Amino acid sequence: MTGISHLLEEWRRELLAKGRLPRTIAGYLKDVEAFARWWETTTERGFDPRAVLRDDAALYRQHLLGERRQRPATVARRLSALRSFYRFLVARGAVARSPFDGLPLPAADKGAPRALQAAELRRLLREAHACGNPLHRAVVVTLAYTGLRAGELCSLHLQDVQLGDRRGELVVRGKGGHVRRVPLPAEGRRVLREYLAVRGDVPWRQLFVGQRGPLTPGGVWTIVRALARRARLEGVTPHTLRHTYATRLLREAGADLVMVAELMGHRSLATTARYTRPRKEEMEEAVERL
């Protein structure tokens, strides 16, 4: 594996610059090294990232699940590390394409948290846009487009919001004092601008402020539940929107677990891997097609 030692070192420095924890980085490197050893054993050749085929990636997935009998969440983490490594290689021109992109991740052990389906999310966002309260609209839209926890949303300060014409982001202070930057899509930027225009000059530095002062997590729950009821949706909470955000990233945007974990503020990829399990509706549809 001496041929990729310099690539792994460059990747390690890049991950470190992005704020990944040293322990997490060490795990990523071990996952790539384990794959390289397996590839050398099965091909009897020195490892060359350019020579890895899609069939090799699929066989390695089966090797981990079948021969090694590793847990699906563990396999999903290993494959996500390899996806991330290969995207790094593609970005720097070391390989033309990644054999791991599009490779299905195994279903995790636990059921996926509840997430809104596309039609349900549209109904909720439609109610948010139709309501006459800019604060309520901004709360629901921000949760849906960033996946923040209710406590994280309430902890945002004015200086944590960066809005540009073509991009924007939120500086989020999560659990354990961990700070991450979450991009804001165009719709999120537009709604926040509308809210900031009516927020006024209040004596609080928190971003979201109601008539009685800074918004609390309990207030966020009340806002989400009220708009969900108007959209004829039951059991919707701020965490439902967080799950929906993660699920959309994985299923619709093509993001890998490493990327989603960073955006969600997860310390473990096993936590993020829960979103790879098929929903009940998907399994029912699959059975109906038999």
Protein backbone atom coordinates (compact mmCIF):
# COMPACT_ATOMS: atom_id res chain seq x y z
CA MET A 1 0.00 0.00 0.00
CA THR A 2 3.00 2.29 -0.18
CA GLY A 3 1.61 3.66 -3.44
CA ILE A 4 -1.28 5.40 -1.70
CA SER A 5 0.47 6.49 1.47
CA HIS A 6 0.94 10.03 0.18
CA LEU A 7 -2.71 10.17 -0.95
CA LEU A 8 -3.91 9.07 2.46
CA GLU A 9 -1.74 11.70 4.11
CA GLU A 10 -3.13 14.43 1.85
CA TRP A 11 -6.67 13.23 2.58
CA ARG A 12 -5.93 13.19 6.30
CA ARG A 13 -4.77 16.81 6.18
CA GLU A 14 -7.85 17.82 4.21
CA LEU A 15 -10.19 16.15 6.71
CA LEU A 16 -8.33 17.79 9.59
CA ALA A 17 -8.68 21.20 7.92
CA LYS A 18 -12.44 20.58 7.67
CA GLY A 19 -12.63 20.13 11.43
CA ARG A 20 -13.05 16.37 11.60
CA LEU A 21 -12.03 14.81 14.90
CA PRO A 22 -8.64 13.00 14.87
CA ARG A 23 -10.30 9.81 16.10
CA THR A 24 -12.85 9.97 13.27
CA ILE A 25 -10.12 10.58 10.70
CA ALA A 26 -8.16 7.60 11.99
CA GLY A 27 -11.25 5.44 11.47
CA TYR A 28 -11.64 6.65 7.88
CA LEU A 29 -8.01 5.86 7.12
CA LYS A 30 -8.30 2.36 8.60
CA ASP A 31 -11.37 1.67 6.47
CA VAL A 32 -9.51 2.62 3.28
CA GLU A 33 -6.44 0.64 4.29
CA ALA A 34 -8.60 -2.43 5.02
CA PHE A 35 -10.11 -2.24 1.54
CA ALA A 36 -6.67 -1.85 -0.04
CA ARG A 37 -5.42 -4.98 1.75
CA TRP A 38 -8.50 -6.94 0.64
CA TRP A 39 -8.03 -5.78 -2.97
CA GLU A 40 -4.35 -6.78 -2.96
CA THR A 41 -5.23 -10.20 -1.56
CA THR A 42 -7.97 -10.89 -4.12
CA THR A 43 -6.12 -9.52 -7.17
CA GLU A 44 -2.55 -10.43 -6.15
CA ARG A 45 -1.48 -6.96 -7.29
CA GLY A 46 -0.28 -3.84 -5.55
CA PHE A 47 -3.14 -1.52 -4.74
CA ASP A 48 -3.89 1.09 -7.40
CA PRO A 49 -7.00 3.26 -6.85
CA ARG A 50 -7.31 3.71 -10.64
CA ALA A 51 -7.61 -0.03 -11.20
CA VAL A 52 -10.56 -0.57 -8.84
CA LEU A 53 -13.75 -1.46 -10.73
CA ARG A 54 -17.40 -1.15 -9.76
CA ASP A 55 -17.47 -4.97 -9.53
CA ASP A 56 -14.64 -4.81 -6.98
CA ALA A 57 -16.66 -2.39 -4.85
CA ALA A 58 -19.75 -4.63 -5.04
CA LEU A 59 -17.70 -7.74 -4.17
CA TYR A 60 -16.17 -5.95 -1.18
CA ARG A 61 -19.63 -5.01 0.05
CA GLN A 62 -20.67 -8.65 -0.18
CA HIS A 63 -17.42 -9.75 1.48
CA LEU A 64 -18.12 -7.56 4.51
CA LEU A 65 -21.76 -8.61 4.80
CA GLY A 66 -21.38 -12.29 3.91
CA GLU A 67 -17.94 -13.60 4.76
CA ARG A 68 -17.10 -11.16 7.54
CA ARG A 69 -20.73 -10.99 8.72
CA GLN A 70 -20.35 -7.41 9.83
CA ARG A 71 -23.32 -5.37 10.95
CA PRO A 72 -25.04 -3.37 8.19
CA ALA A 73 -24.32 -0.09 10.01
CA THR A 74 -20.61 -0.97 10.13
CA VAL A 75 -20.56 -1.86 6.43
CA ALA A 76 -22.39 1.37 5.58
CA ARG A 77 -19.75 3.31 7.50
CA ARG A 78 -16.87 1.55 5.72
CA LEU A 79 -18.38 2.10 2.29
CA SER A 80 -19.09 5.74 3.07
CA ALA A 81 -15.46 6.25 4.06
CA LEU A 82 -14.42 4.78 0.71
CA ARG A 83 -16.91 7.00 -1.13
CA SER A 84 -15.43 10.03 0.59
CA PHE A 85 -11.86 8.96 -0.21
CA TYR A 86 -12.65 8.43 -3.87
CA ARG A 87 -14.44 11.77 -4.14
CA PHE A 88 -11.27 13.32 -2.81
CA LEU A 89 -9.29 11.46 -5.50
CA VAL A 90 -11.68 12.57 -8.24
CA ALA A 91 -11.50 16.19 -7.07
CA ARG A 92 -7.71 16.22 -7.30
CA GLY A 93 -7.66 14.36 -10.61
CA ALA A 94 -6.05 11.17 -9.29
CA VAL A 95 -8.88 9.01 -10.68
CA ALA A 96 -11.49 9.64 -13.36
CA ARG A 97 -14.49 8.30 -11.45
CA SER A 98 -15.43 6.59 -8.21
CA PRO A 99 -16.42 2.91 -8.24
CA PHE A 100 -18.31 3.46 -4.98
CA ASP A 101 -20.69 6.21 -6.11
CA GLY A 102 -24.18 4.78 -6.47
CA LEU A 103 -23.30 1.53 -4.69
CA PRO A 104 -26.29 0.80 -2.41
CA LEU A 105 -25.56 1.05 1.27
CA PRO A 106 -26.89 -1.86 3.35
CA ALA A 107 -29.93 -1.29 5.50
CA ALA A 108 -29.05 -0.40 9.07
CA ASP A 109 -30.09 -2.56 12.00
CA LYS A 110 -32.62 -0.12 13.44
CA GLY A 111 -35.63 1.21 11.61
CA ALA A 112 -35.21 4.56 9.96
CA PRO A 113 -36.57 7.51 11.93
CA ARG A 114 -39.82 8.85 10.59
CA ALA A 115 -39.39 11.26 7.71
CA LEU A 116 -41.99 13.16 5.73
CA GLN A 117 -42.65 12.01 2.19
CA ALA A 118 -42.21 14.56 -0.58
CA ALA A 119 -45.93 15.36 -0.84
CA GLU A 120 -46.20 15.77 2.95
CA LEU A 121 -43.23 18.11 3.07
CA ARG A 122 -44.74 20.21 0.30
CA ARG A 123 -48.00 20.49 2.23
CA LEU A 124 -46.21 21.63 5.35
CA LEU A 125 -44.07 24.16 3.51
CA ARG A 126 -47.15 25.43 1.68
CA GLU A 127 -48.81 26.13 5.03
CA ALA A 128 -45.65 27.81 6.30
CA HIS A 129 -45.58 30.14 3.30
CA ALA A 130 -49.32 30.82 3.58
CA CYS A 131 -49.25 31.74 7.26
CA GLY A 132 -49.08 35.43 8.08
CA ASN A 133 -46.29 35.12 10.64
CA PRO A 134 -42.74 35.63 9.22
CA LEU A 135 -41.20 34.12 12.37
CA HIS A 136 -43.22 30.90 12.10
CA ARG A 137 -42.47 30.66 8.39
CA ALA A 138 -38.73 31.15 8.97
CA VAL A 139 -38.65 28.56 11.76
CA VAL A 140 -40.26 25.77 9.71
CA VAL A 141 -38.39 26.52 6.47
CA THR A 142 -35.03 26.75 8.26
CA LEU A 143 -35.59 23.44 10.03
CA ALA A 144 -36.64 21.75 6.78
CA TYR A 145 -33.64 23.03 4.81
CA THR A 146 -30.91 22.68 7.44
CA GLY A 147 -31.90 19.76 9.70
CA LEU A 148 -31.06 21.70 12.87
CA ARG A 149 -32.21 20.50 16.27
CA ALA A 150 -34.71 22.75 18.02
CA GLY A 151 -32.10 23.74 20.62
CA GLU A 152 -29.57 24.56 17.90
CA LEU A 153 -32.10 26.76 16.13
CA CYS A 154 -32.79 28.70 19.32
CA SER A 155 -29.07 29.12 20.00
CA LEU A 156 -28.41 30.88 16.69
CA HIS A 157 -27.26 34.49 17.00
CA LEU A 158 -27.55 37.20 14.38
CA GLN A 159 -23.84 36.95 13.57
CA ASP A 160 -24.27 33.21 12.92
CA VAL A 161 -26.24 33.97 9.75
CA GLN A 162 -24.33 34.68 6.55
CA LEU A 163 -26.50 35.58 3.56
CA GLY A 164 -25.16 36.26 0.08
CA ASP A 165 -26.79 36.54 -3.31
CA ARG A 166 -25.73 33.06 -4.37
CA ARG A 167 -24.85 31.32 -1.14
CA GLY A 168 -25.32 31.44 2.58
CA GLU A 169 -24.71 29.41 5.70
CA LEU A 170 -25.47 29.08 9.37
CA VAL A 171 -22.77 28.68 12.02
CA VAL A 172 -24.29 26.08 14.33
CA ARG A 173 -23.16 25.27 17.86
CA GLY A 174 -24.15 21.68 18.49
CA LYS A 175 -23.75 19.13 21.23
CA GLY A 176 -20.49 19.13 23.18
CA GLY A 177 -19.53 22.58 21.91
CA HIS A 178 -18.97 21.26 18.38
CA VAL A 179 -19.28 24.01 15.75
CA ARG A 180 -20.32 23.24 12.18
CA ARG A 181 -21.32 25.27 9.14
CA VAL A 182 -24.55 24.35 7.39
CA PRO A 183 -25.19 25.74 3.88
CA LEU A 184 -28.45 27.58 3.22
CA PRO A 185 -30.20 26.91 -0.11
CA ALA A 186 -31.90 29.74 -1.99
CA GLU A 187 -35.32 29.19 -0.42
CA GLY A 188 -33.87 29.28 3.09
CA ARG A 189 -31.98 32.49 2.33
CA ARG A 190 -35.08 34.15 0.92
CA VAL A 191 -37.28 33.32 3.92
CA LEU A 192 -34.64 34.41 6.42
CA ARG A 193 -34.24 37.74 4.64
CA GLU A 194 -37.99 38.27 4.86
CA TYR A 195 -37.93 37.50 8.57
CA LEU A 196 -34.93 39.74 9.27
CA ALA A 197 -36.69 42.62 7.50
CA VAL A 198 -39.48 42.56 10.13
CA ARG A 199 -37.48 41.35 13.14
CA GLY A 200 -36.75 44.90 14.17
CA ASP A 201 -34.22 46.34 16.59
CA VAL A 202 -34.73 44.13 19.65
CA PRO A 203 -32.38 43.94 22.67
CA TRP A 204 -31.50 40.28 22.13
CA ARG A 205 -28.71 38.80 20.07
CA GLN A 206 -30.62 35.57 19.33
CA LEU A 207 -31.76 35.26 15.72
CA PHE A 208 -35.29 34.07 16.39
CA VAL A 209 -37.22 36.37 18.69
CA GLY A 210 -40.94 36.38 19.42
CA GLN A 211 -43.20 38.83 21.21
CA ARG A 212 -42.05 37.60 24.63
CA GLY A 213 -38.35 37.37 23.85
CA PRO A 214 -35.95 34.80 22.34
CA LEU A 215 -37.61 31.68 21.02
CA THR A 216 -37.30 28.53 23.16
CA PRO A 217 -37.25 24.88 22.03
CA GLY A 218 -40.76 24.53 23.44
CA GLY A 219 -41.85 27.44 21.27
CA VAL A 220 -40.29 25.80 18.21
CA TRP A 221 -42.26 22.61 18.90
CA THR A 222 -45.48 24.61 19.25
CA ILE A 223 -44.92 26.38 15.92
CA VAL A 224 -44.13 23.16 14.04
CA ARG A 225 -47.07 21.27 15.49
CA ALA A 226 -49.52 24.09 14.74
CA LEU A 227 -48.50 24.36 11.09
CA ALA A 228 -48.42 20.56 10.74
CA ARG A 229 -52.01 20.35 11.99
CA ARG A 230 -53.04 22.94 9.43
CA ALA A 231 -51.37 20.75 6.80
CA ARG A 232 -53.34 17.73 8.12
CA LEU A 233 -50.19 15.99 9.31
CA GLU A 234 -50.05 14.10 12.60
CA GLY A 235 -47.08 13.57 14.89
CA VAL A 236 -44.77 16.05 13.17
CA THR A 237 -42.07 17.56 15.40
CA PRO A 238 -38.86 19.53 14.80
CA HIS A 239 -37.03 16.20 14.88
CA THR A 240 -39.27 14.91 12.09
CA LEU A 241 -37.97 17.74 9.92
CA ARG A 242 -34.41 16.87 10.94
CA HIS A 243 -34.95 13.26 9.85
CA THR A 244 -36.56 14.44 6.62
CA TYR A 245 -33.55 16.63 5.83
CA ALA A 246 -31.10 13.75 6.32
CA THR A 247 -33.24 11.33 4.32
CA ARG A 248 -33.54 13.76 1.40
CA LEU A 249 -29.78 14.29 1.35
CA LEU A 250 -29.12 10.55 1.13
CA ARG A 251 -31.97 9.51 -1.17
CA GLU A 252 -32.46 12.52 -3.42
CA ALA A 253 -29.24 14.56 -3.37
CA GLY A 254 -26.86 11.60 -3.54
CA ALA A 255 -24.84 12.66 -0.48
CA ASP A 256 -22.77 10.01 1.31
CA LEU A 257 -22.88 9.23 5.02
CA VAL A 258 -19.71 11.19 5.78
CA MET A 259 -21.18 14.35 4.26
CA VAL A 260 -24.57 13.91 5.96
CA ALA A 261 -22.94 13.21 9.33
CA GLU A 262 -21.01 16.47 9.03
CA LEU A 263 -24.12 18.46 8.12
CA MET A 264 -26.17 16.85 10.90
CA GLY A 265 -23.51 17.16 13.58
CA HIS A 266 -23.36 13.40 14.21
CA ARG A 267 -20.32 12.09 16.07
CA SER A 268 -20.80 8.55 14.76
CA LEU A 269 -21.56 7.37 11.22
CA ALA A 270 -23.62 4.57 12.76
CA THR A 271 -26.13 7.23 13.82
CA THR A 272 -26.36 8.56 10.27
CA ALA A 273 -26.62 5.06 8.82
CA ARG A 274 -30.11 4.70 10.30
CA TYR A 275 -31.41 6.78 7.41
CA THR A 276 -30.33 4.19 4.84
CA ARG A 277 -32.97 1.66 5.93
CA PRO A 278 -35.95 1.43 3.57
CA ARG A 279 -39.16 3.02 4.80
CA LYS A 280 -42.22 0.86 5.48
CA GLU A 281 -43.98 2.35 2.44
CA GLU A 282 -41.03 1.45 0.18
CA MET A 283 -41.02 -2.15 1.36
CA GLU A 284 -44.77 -2.42 0.81
CA GLU A 285 -44.43 -1.05 -2.73
CA ALA A 286 -41.63 -3.52 -3.47
CA VAL A 287 -43.77 -6.46 -2.33
CA GLU A 288 -46.69 -5.27 -4.46
CA ARG A 289 -44.44 -5.44 -7.54
CA LEU A 290 -43.77 -9.19 -7.04
